[in-house]
Amino acid sequence: MRNLKRALLAVFVLLLVLTILAFVLENQHSVQLLFLGWVGPELPVSLVMVLALLVGMIIGPIIGCFIGRSSRISRKHQV
């Protein structure tokens, strides 16, 4: 049973890596982003998407922490 779980995990990780590799190889066109007057450098679409994903994965939990903290504080004042 333990070996089956490891094998399934290995297959899942391999499929995930192959999917990411295919995404990166298929999206090599360069784009230049414009945001609030700031013009970014030309980067491949895949790199822009991965950077956006990583920034979202960092900012999301930080915002969730602040919202959770403010709701706990407001509940303390109501009790």
C-alpha atoms as a PDB file:
ATOM      1  CA  MET A   1       0.000   0.000   0.000  1.00  0.00           C
ATOM      2  CA  ARG A   2       2.827   2.348   0.901  1.00  0.00           C
ATOM      3  CA  ASN A   3       4.610   1.659  -2.391  1.00  0.00           C
ATOM      4  CA  LEU A   4       1.390   2.286  -4.318  1.00  0.00           C
ATOM      5  CA  LYS A   5       1.001   5.707  -2.696  1.00  0.00           C
ATOM      6  CA  ARG A   6       4.609   6.568  -3.530  1.00  0.00           C
ATOM      7  CA  ALA A   7       4.179   5.419  -7.122  1.00  0.00           C
ATOM      8  CA  LEU A   8       0.981   7.463  -7.535  1.00  0.00           C
ATOM      9  CA  LEU A   9       2.681  10.504  -6.035  1.00  0.00           C
ATOM     10  CA  ALA A  10       5.638  10.052  -8.391  1.00  0.00           C
ATOM     11  CA  VAL A  11       3.291   9.796 -11.393  1.00  0.00           C
ATOM     12  CA  PHE A  12       1.402  12.908 -10.258  1.00  0.00           C
ATOM     13  CA  VAL A  13       4.615  14.917  -9.808  1.00  0.00           C
ATOM     14  CA  LEU A  14       5.903  13.738 -13.186  1.00  0.00           C
ATOM     15  CA  LEU A  15       2.658  14.780 -14.908  1.00  0.00           C
ATOM     16  CA  LEU A  16       2.772  18.157 -13.156  1.00  0.00           C
ATOM     17  CA  VAL A  17       6.370  18.745 -14.266  1.00  0.00           C
ATOM     18  CA  LEU A  18       5.561  17.733 -17.841  1.00  0.00           C
ATOM     19  CA  THR A  19       2.540  20.060 -17.887  1.00  0.00           C
ATOM     20  CA  ILE A  20       4.622  22.980 -16.618  1.00  0.00           C
ATOM     21  CA  LEU A  21       7.355  22.210 -19.153  1.00  0.00           C
ATOM     22  CA  ALA A  22       4.829  22.123 -22.000  1.00  0.00           C
ATOM     23  CA  PHE A  23       3.338  25.442 -20.818  1.00  0.00           C
ATOM     24  CA  VAL A  24       6.749  27.117 -20.707  1.00  0.00           C
ATOM     25  CA  LEU A  25       7.799  25.779 -24.101  1.00  0.00           C
ATOM     26  CA  GLU A  26       4.519  26.789 -25.783  1.00  0.00           C
ATOM     27  CA  ASN A  27       4.500  30.360 -24.398  1.00  0.00           C
ATOM     28  CA  GLN A  28       7.840  31.818 -25.418  1.00  0.00           C
ATOM     29  CA  HIS A  29       6.435  34.951 -27.111  1.00  0.00           C
ATOM     30  CA  SER A  30       7.788  38.143 -25.574  1.00  0.00           C
ATOM     31  CA  VAL A  31       5.365  40.661 -24.115  1.00  0.00           C
ATOM     32  CA  GLN A  32       5.852  44.079 -22.590  1.00  0.00           C
ATOM     33  CA  LEU A  33       3.533  45.044 -19.745  1.00  0.00           C
ATOM     34  CA  LEU A  34       2.285  48.571 -19.099  1.00  0.00           C
ATOM     35  CA  PHE A  35       0.936  49.295 -15.598  1.00  0.00           C
ATOM     36  CA  LEU A  36       0.135  52.786 -14.271  1.00  0.00           C
ATOM     37  CA  GLY A  37       2.584  54.375 -16.669  1.00  0.00           C
ATOM     38  CA  TRP A  38       5.392  51.981 -15.784  1.00  0.00           C
ATOM     39  CA  VAL A  39       6.631  49.980 -18.758  1.00  0.00           C
ATOM     40  CA  GLY A  40       8.184  46.652 -17.897  1.00  0.00           C
ATOM     41  CA  PRO A  41      10.880  44.813 -19.813  1.00  0.00           C
ATOM     42  CA  GLU A  42       9.994  42.367 -22.562  1.00  0.00           C
ATOM     43  CA  LEU A  43       9.631  38.942 -20.981  1.00  0.00           C
ATOM     44  CA  PRO A  44       8.228  35.627 -22.196  1.00  0.00           C
ATOM     45  CA  VAL A  45       4.531  35.103 -21.461  1.00  0.00           C
ATOM     46  CA  SER A  46       5.316  32.000 -19.398  1.00  0.00           C
ATOM     47  CA  LEU A  47       7.653  33.959 -17.113  1.00  0.00           C
ATOM     48  CA  VAL A  48       5.076  36.717 -16.628  1.00  0.00           C
ATOM     49  CA  MET A  49       2.429  34.116 -15.722  1.00  0.00           C
ATOM     50  CA  VAL A  50       4.703  32.305 -13.262  1.00  0.00           C
ATOM     51  CA  LEU A  51       5.704  35.601 -11.612  1.00  0.00           C
ATOM     52  CA  ALA A  52       2.044  36.612 -11.307  1.00  0.00           C
ATOM     53  CA  LEU A  53       1.263  33.237  -9.719  1.00  0.00           C
ATOM     54  CA  LEU A  54       4.110  33.560  -7.206  1.00  0.00           C
ATOM     55  CA  VAL A  55       3.162  37.134  -6.281  1.00  0.00           C
ATOM     56  CA  GLY A  56      -0.437  36.020  -5.746  1.00  0.00           C
ATOM     57  CA  MET A  57       0.699  33.108  -3.586  1.00  0.00           C
ATOM     58  CA  ILE A  58       2.639  35.544  -1.401  1.00  0.00           C
ATOM     59  CA  ILE A  59       0.105  38.396  -1.230  1.00  0.00           C
ATOM     60  CA  GLY A  60      -2.984  36.195  -0.738  1.00  0.00           C
ATOM     61  CA  PRO A  61      -2.020  34.736   2.655  1.00  0.00           C
ATOM     62  CA  ILE A  62      -0.762  38.125   3.862  1.00  0.00           C
ATOM     63  CA  ILE A  63      -4.129  39.739   3.082  1.00  0.00           C
ATOM     64  CA  GLY A  64      -5.918  36.783   4.688  1.00  0.00           C
ATOM     65  CA  CYS A  65      -3.829  37.220   7.838  1.00  0.00           C
ATOM     66  CA  PHE A  66      -4.721  40.916   8.080  1.00  0.00           C
ATOM     67  CA  ILE A  67      -8.430  40.257   7.514  1.00  0.00           C
ATOM     68  CA  GLY A  68      -8.423  37.468  10.106  1.00  0.00           C
ATOM     69  CA  ARG A  69      -6.642  39.668  12.625  1.00  0.00           C
ATOM     70  CA  SER A  70      -9.037  42.584  12.136  1.00  0.00           C
ATOM     71  CA  SER A  71     -12.099  40.332  12.474  1.00  0.00           C
ATOM     72  CA  ARG A  72     -10.699  38.819  15.709  1.00  0.00           C
ATOM     73  CA  ILE A  73     -10.078  42.297  17.112  1.00  0.00           C
ATOM     74  CA  SER A  74     -13.597  43.451  16.237  1.00  0.00           C
ATOM     75  CA  ARG A  75     -15.089  40.316  17.871  1.00  0.00           C
ATOM     76  CA  LYS A  76     -13.130  41.018  21.081  1.00  0.00           C
ATOM     77  CA  HIS A  77     -14.561  44.536  21.270  1.00  0.00           C
ATOM     78  CA  GLN A  78     -18.128  43.288  20.756  1.00  0.00           C
ATOM     79  CA  VAL A  79     -17.994  40.760  23.620  1.00  0.00           C
END
